[in-house]
Amino acid sequence: MHVDWKAQFLTYFRSLCVCCFFFTIIADRGTLIDDKC
């Protein structure tokens, strides 16, 4: 059974980027988060 780890990693990485994007927005608004990513 072959696992396409590259595809899984890319999916995971993209979801991280989305998280970072939202963190950046929140940080820009002066709430919460400072340089989580």
C-alpha atoms as a PDB file:
ATOM      1  CA  MET A   1       0.000   0.000   0.000  1.00  0.00           C
ATOM      2  CA  HIS A   2       1.529   3.242  -1.174  1.00  0.00           C
ATOM      3  CA  VAL A   3       1.038   6.469   0.751  1.00  0.00           C
ATOM      4  CA  ASP A   4       1.421   9.643  -1.251  1.00  0.00           C
ATOM      5  CA  TRP A   5       3.221  11.481   1.498  1.00  0.00           C
ATOM      6  CA  LYS A   6       4.049  14.445  -0.722  1.00  0.00           C
ATOM      7  CA  ALA A   7       0.380  15.135  -1.367  1.00  0.00           C
ATOM      8  CA  GLN A   8      -0.407  14.705   2.323  1.00  0.00           C
ATOM      9  CA  PHE A   9       2.436  17.023   3.286  1.00  0.00           C
ATOM     10  CA  LEU A  10       1.304  19.664   0.795  1.00  0.00           C
ATOM     11  CA  THR A  11      -2.234  19.498   2.121  1.00  0.00           C
ATOM     12  CA  TYR A  12      -0.963  19.799   5.673  1.00  0.00           C
ATOM     13  CA  PHE A  13       1.367  22.635   4.709  1.00  0.00           C
ATOM     14  CA  ARG A  14      -1.446  24.518   2.970  1.00  0.00           C
ATOM     15  CA  SER A  15      -3.657  24.255   6.036  1.00  0.00           C
ATOM     16  CA  LEU A  16      -0.755  25.632   8.097  1.00  0.00           C
ATOM     17  CA  CYS A  17      -0.432  28.552   5.687  1.00  0.00           C
ATOM     18  CA  VAL A  18      -4.144  29.278   6.050  1.00  0.00           C
ATOM     19  CA  CYS A  19      -3.696  29.266   9.827  1.00  0.00           C
ATOM     20  CA  CYS A  20      -0.754  31.627   9.532  1.00  0.00           C
ATOM     21  CA  PHE A  21      -2.803  33.879   7.273  1.00  0.00           C
ATOM     22  CA  PHE A  22      -5.580  34.163   9.837  1.00  0.00           C
ATOM     23  CA  PHE A  23      -3.063  34.643  12.649  1.00  0.00           C
ATOM     24  CA  THR A  24      -1.535  37.509  10.680  1.00  0.00           C
ATOM     25  CA  ILE A  25      -4.947  39.139  10.218  1.00  0.00           C
ATOM     26  CA  ILE A  26      -5.689  38.805  13.937  1.00  0.00           C
ATOM     27  CA  ALA A  27      -2.263  40.183  14.832  1.00  0.00           C
ATOM     28  CA  ASP A  28      -2.787  43.107  12.444  1.00  0.00           C
ATOM     29  CA  ARG A  29      -5.971  43.956  14.288  1.00  0.00           C
ATOM     30  CA  GLY A  30      -3.962  44.254  17.489  1.00  0.00           C
ATOM     31  CA  THR A  31      -5.525  41.203  19.123  1.00  0.00           C
ATOM     32  CA  LEU A  32      -3.716  38.192  20.530  1.00  0.00           C
ATOM     33  CA  ILE A  33      -1.061  36.661  18.476  1.00  0.00           C
ATOM     34  CA  ASP A  34       2.543  37.728  18.055  1.00  0.00           C
ATOM     35  CA  ASP A  35       4.637  35.909  15.465  1.00  0.00           C
ATOM     36  CA  LYS A  36       3.272  32.392  15.796  1.00  0.00           C
ATOM     37  CA  CYS A  37       4.536  31.525  12.332  1.00  0.00           C
END
